[in-house]
Amino acid sequence: MTTLLLSVQGQQVVATGKRRWVDAHWSRGNSYFRIGWNWLKGCLHKDWKLFPTILLQGGVDPAPAIASKKQAQQQFKREFTIKSYRFAA
């Protein structure tokens, strides 16, 4: 239950544009759980407020984390091999 709550809080942080408050290095690759955990710590120490709604959103990530710049560049470089077979009748 705690994992779900922190993940939802992390999604809400990203959706409201407050990711920089808890994740100074945007491309570090923090998960929604980690972002939610940092938000919870901010709520305890900096008097921020938890998001009242618990809505787990699906779909494409609006701001995906990038593990490294090299990995991000390789994402668009794909190789495909087409093989066709003809069987004798």
N, C-alpha and C. Protein backbone atom coordinates (compact mmCIF):
# COMPACT_ATOMS: atom_id res chain seq x y z
N MET A 1 0.82 -1.18 0.00
CA MET A 1 0.00 0.00 0.00
C MET A 1 0.87 1.26 0.00
N THR A 2 1.94 1.22 0.77
CA THR A 2 2.83 2.38 0.85
C THR A 2 3.49 2.64 -0.49
N THR A 3 3.88 1.57 -1.18
CA THR A 3 4.52 1.71 -2.49
C THR A 3 3.57 2.40 -3.47
N LEU A 4 2.33 2.00 -3.46
CA LEU A 4 1.33 2.60 -4.34
C LEU A 4 1.12 4.07 -3.99
N LEU A 5 1.00 4.38 -2.72
CA LEU A 5 0.79 5.76 -2.29
C LEU A 5 1.95 6.66 -2.72
N LEU A 6 3.18 6.20 -2.52
CA LEU A 6 4.34 7.01 -2.89
C LEU A 6 4.46 7.16 -4.40
N SER A 7 4.11 6.09 -5.14
CA SER A 7 4.15 6.19 -6.61
C SER A 7 3.13 7.18 -7.13
N VAL A 8 1.94 7.18 -6.54
CA VAL A 8 0.90 8.13 -6.93
C VAL A 8 1.32 9.55 -6.59
N GLN A 9 1.92 9.74 -5.42
CA GLN A 9 2.40 11.07 -5.05
C GLN A 9 3.48 11.53 -6.04
N GLY A 10 4.35 10.61 -6.46
CA GLY A 10 5.38 10.94 -7.43
C GLY A 10 4.79 11.36 -8.77
N GLN A 11 3.75 10.66 -9.21
CA GLN A 11 3.07 11.05 -10.46
C GLN A 11 2.43 12.42 -10.33
N GLN A 12 1.84 12.70 -9.19
CA GLN A 12 1.21 14.01 -8.99
C GLN A 12 2.25 15.13 -8.98
N VAL A 13 3.42 14.86 -8.42
CA VAL A 13 4.49 15.86 -8.41
C VAL A 13 4.90 16.19 -9.84
N VAL A 14 5.07 15.17 -10.68
CA VAL A 14 5.45 15.39 -12.07
C VAL A 14 4.32 16.10 -12.82
N ALA A 15 3.08 15.69 -12.59
CA ALA A 15 1.94 16.28 -13.29
C ALA A 15 1.76 17.76 -12.96
N THR A 16 2.09 18.16 -11.75
CA THR A 16 1.93 19.56 -11.35
C THR A 16 3.17 20.41 -11.66
N GLY A 17 4.20 19.79 -12.21
CA GLY A 17 5.39 20.54 -12.60
C GLY A 17 6.33 20.86 -11.45
N LYS A 18 6.26 20.10 -10.38
CA LYS A 18 7.11 20.35 -9.21
C LYS A 18 8.23 19.33 -9.08
N ARG A 19 8.57 18.67 -10.17
CA ARG A 19 9.60 17.63 -10.11
C ARG A 19 10.95 18.21 -9.69
N ARG A 20 11.26 19.41 -10.12
CA ARG A 20 12.54 20.04 -9.77
C ARG A 20 12.67 20.28 -8.27
N TRP A 21 11.56 20.35 -7.56
CA TRP A 21 11.61 20.55 -6.12
C TRP A 21 12.25 19.36 -5.41
N VAL A 22 12.05 18.16 -5.98
CA VAL A 22 12.53 16.94 -5.30
C VAL A 22 13.58 16.18 -6.10
N ASP A 23 13.81 16.57 -7.35
CA ASP A 23 14.76 15.87 -8.20
C ASP A 23 15.59 16.92 -8.95
N ALA A 24 16.66 17.37 -8.33
CA ALA A 24 17.46 18.45 -8.90
C ALA A 24 18.13 18.05 -10.22
N HIS A 25 18.50 16.81 -10.33
CA HIS A 25 19.14 16.32 -11.55
C HIS A 25 18.08 15.58 -12.35
N TRP A 26 17.45 16.28 -13.29
CA TRP A 26 16.29 15.77 -14.01
C TRP A 26 16.55 14.44 -14.68
N SER A 27 17.72 14.29 -15.27
CA SER A 27 17.98 13.08 -16.04
C SER A 27 18.66 11.99 -15.22
N ARG A 28 18.55 12.05 -13.91
CA ARG A 28 19.17 11.04 -13.07
C ARG A 28 18.44 9.70 -13.15
N GLY A 29 17.17 9.73 -13.47
CA GLY A 29 16.42 8.50 -13.61
C GLY A 29 15.67 8.08 -12.37
N ASN A 30 15.23 9.02 -11.56
CA ASN A 30 14.45 8.67 -10.37
C ASN A 30 13.09 8.14 -10.77
N SER A 31 12.66 7.11 -10.07
CA SER A 31 11.34 6.53 -10.32
C SER A 31 10.27 7.38 -9.66
N TYR A 32 9.02 7.11 -10.00
CA TYR A 32 7.92 7.81 -9.35
C TYR A 32 7.90 7.52 -7.85
N PHE A 33 8.30 6.31 -7.48
CA PHE A 33 8.37 5.96 -6.06
C PHE A 33 9.38 6.86 -5.35
N ARG A 34 10.56 7.01 -5.95
CA ARG A 34 11.61 7.83 -5.34
C ARG A 34 11.20 9.31 -5.29
N ILE A 35 10.57 9.78 -6.35
CA ILE A 35 10.09 11.16 -6.36
C ILE A 35 9.03 11.35 -5.27
N GLY A 36 8.13 10.37 -5.13
CA GLY A 36 7.12 10.43 -4.07
C GLY A 36 7.73 10.39 -2.69
N TRP A 37 8.78 9.59 -2.51
CA TRP A 37 9.47 9.50 -1.23
C TRP A 37 10.11 10.85 -0.88
N ASN A 38 10.76 11.48 -1.86
CA ASN A 38 11.37 12.78 -1.63
C ASN A 38 10.31 13.84 -1.33
N TRP A 39 9.14 13.72 -1.98
CA TRP A 39 8.04 14.65 -1.71
C TRP A 39 7.53 14.48 -0.29
N LEU A 40 7.41 13.23 0.16
CA LEU A 40 6.96 12.96 1.52
C LEU A 40 7.94 13.55 2.53
N LYS A 41 9.23 13.41 2.28
CA LYS A 41 10.23 14.01 3.17
C LYS A 41 10.10 15.53 3.18
N GLY A 42 9.80 16.12 2.01
CA GLY A 42 9.58 17.56 1.95
C GLY A 42 8.35 17.97 2.74
N CYS A 43 7.32 17.12 2.72
CA CYS A 43 6.11 17.40 3.49
C CYS A 43 6.41 17.41 4.99
N LEU A 44 7.30 16.53 5.42
CA LEU A 44 7.64 16.45 6.83
C LEU A 44 8.57 17.57 7.28
N HIS A 45 9.52 17.94 6.44
CA HIS A 45 10.56 18.88 6.85
C HIS A 45 10.34 20.31 6.36
N LYS A 46 9.66 20.48 5.24
CA LYS A 46 9.51 21.81 4.65
C LYS A 46 8.06 22.30 4.63
N ASP A 47 7.19 21.56 5.30
CA ASP A 47 5.78 21.93 5.44
C ASP A 47 5.04 21.99 4.11
N TRP A 48 5.39 21.10 3.16
CA TRP A 48 4.63 20.97 1.93
C TRP A 48 3.39 20.15 2.23
N LYS A 49 2.46 20.10 1.31
CA LYS A 49 1.21 19.36 1.51
C LYS A 49 1.18 18.13 0.61
N LEU A 50 0.68 17.02 1.15
CA LEU A 50 0.45 15.82 0.34
C LEU A 50 -0.70 16.08 -0.61
N PHE A 51 -0.68 15.44 -1.76
CA PHE A 51 -1.78 15.57 -2.70
C PHE A 51 -2.96 14.75 -2.21
N PRO A 52 -4.15 15.34 -2.14
CA PRO A 52 -5.29 14.64 -1.55
C PRO A 52 -5.87 13.53 -2.42
N THR A 53 -5.70 13.62 -3.73
CA THR A 53 -6.29 12.61 -4.61
C THR A 53 -5.33 11.45 -4.82
N ILE A 54 -5.90 10.28 -4.90
CA ILE A 54 -5.11 9.09 -5.18
C ILE A 54 -5.59 8.57 -6.52
N LEU A 55 -4.91 8.98 -7.59
CA LEU A 55 -5.28 8.61 -8.94
C LEU A 55 -4.04 8.11 -9.66
N LEU A 56 -3.99 6.82 -9.92
CA LEU A 56 -2.86 6.22 -10.62
C LEU A 56 -3.13 6.32 -12.11
N GLN A 57 -2.33 7.12 -12.79
CA GLN A 57 -2.55 7.37 -14.20
C GLN A 57 -1.70 6.42 -15.04
N GLY A 58 -2.27 5.94 -16.12
CA GLY A 58 -1.55 5.09 -17.04
C GLY A 58 -1.18 5.87 -18.28
N GLY A 59 -0.62 5.19 -19.25
CA GLY A 59 -0.27 5.85 -20.50
C GLY A 59 1.21 6.17 -20.58
N VAL A 60 1.53 7.01 -21.55
CA VAL A 60 2.91 7.38 -21.81
C VAL A 60 3.38 8.39 -20.77
N ASP A 61 4.60 8.22 -20.31
CA ASP A 61 5.18 9.12 -19.33
C ASP A 61 5.40 10.49 -19.97
N PRO A 62 4.86 11.58 -19.38
CA PRO A 62 5.03 12.90 -19.98
C PRO A 62 6.47 13.41 -19.93
N ALA A 63 7.24 12.97 -18.96
CA ALA A 63 8.63 13.39 -18.84
C ALA A 63 9.48 12.20 -18.43
N PRO A 64 9.78 11.32 -19.39
CA PRO A 64 10.53 10.12 -19.03
C PRO A 64 11.94 10.45 -18.57
N ALA A 65 12.42 9.70 -17.61
CA ALA A 65 13.78 9.88 -17.12
C ALA A 65 14.77 9.27 -18.10
N ILE A 66 15.93 9.85 -18.18
CA ILE A 66 16.97 9.36 -19.08
C ILE A 66 18.14 8.90 -18.23
N ALA A 67 18.52 7.64 -18.36
CA ALA A 67 19.62 7.11 -17.56
C ALA A 67 20.95 7.75 -17.95
N SER A 68 21.18 7.92 -19.24
CA SER A 68 22.40 8.56 -19.70
C SER A 68 22.16 9.15 -21.09
N LYS A 69 22.97 10.12 -21.48
CA LYS A 69 22.80 10.73 -22.79
C LYS A 69 23.12 9.73 -23.89
N LYS A 70 24.10 8.88 -23.65
CA LYS A 70 24.47 7.86 -24.64
C LYS A 70 23.31 6.89 -24.87
N GLN A 71 22.67 6.48 -23.80
CA GLN A 71 21.54 5.57 -23.91
C GLN A 71 20.38 6.23 -24.64
N ALA A 72 20.17 7.51 -24.40
CA ALA A 72 19.09 8.23 -25.07
C ALA A 72 19.34 8.31 -26.57
N GLN A 73 20.59 8.50 -26.98
CA GLN A 73 20.91 8.56 -28.39
C GLN A 73 20.74 7.20 -29.06
N GLN A 74 21.08 6.14 -28.36
CA GLN A 74 20.94 4.79 -28.92
C GLN A 74 19.49 4.36 -29.03
N GLN A 75 18.61 5.02 -28.32
CA GLN A 75 17.20 4.67 -28.37
C GLN A 75 16.63 4.87 -29.77
N PHE A 76 17.11 5.88 -30.47
CA PHE A 76 16.59 6.19 -31.79
C PHE A 76 17.35 5.47 -32.90
N LYS A 77 18.44 4.81 -32.56
CA LYS A 77 19.22 4.09 -33.55
C LYS A 77 18.83 2.61 -33.48
N ARG A 78 18.03 2.21 -34.40
CA ARG A 78 17.54 0.83 -34.43
C ARG A 78 18.01 0.14 -35.70
N GLU A 79 18.21 -1.12 -35.60
CA GLU A 79 18.57 -1.90 -36.78
C GLU A 79 17.52 -2.99 -36.97
N PHE A 80 17.10 -3.13 -38.20
CA PHE A 80 16.12 -4.15 -38.52
C PHE A 80 16.70 -5.03 -39.62
N THR A 81 16.45 -6.28 -39.51
CA THR A 81 16.84 -7.23 -40.53
C THR A 81 15.59 -7.89 -41.08
N ILE A 82 15.44 -7.81 -42.37
CA ILE A 82 14.28 -8.42 -43.00
C ILE A 82 14.73 -9.70 -43.69
N LYS A 83 14.07 -10.75 -43.35
CA LYS A 83 14.38 -12.03 -43.97
C LYS A 83 13.11 -12.53 -44.64
N SER A 84 13.27 -12.95 -45.85
CA SER A 84 12.14 -13.53 -46.56
C SER A 84 12.51 -14.92 -47.05
N TYR A 85 11.58 -15.78 -46.96
CA TYR A 85 11.79 -17.17 -47.34
C TYR A 85 10.81 -17.53 -48.44
N ARG A 86 11.28 -18.32 -49.39
CA ARG A 86 10.41 -18.85 -50.41
C ARG A 86 10.58 -20.35 -50.41
N PHE A 87 9.51 -21.02 -50.19
CA PHE A 87 9.56 -22.47 -50.11
C PHE A 87 9.20 -23.05 -51.47
N ALA A 88 9.91 -24.08 -51.85
CA ALA A 88 9.64 -24.73 -53.13
C ALA A 88 8.32 -25.52 -53.02
N ALA A 89 7.53 -25.42 -54.06
CA ALA A 89 6.25 -26.10 -54.04
C ALA A 89 6.37 -27.53 -54.51
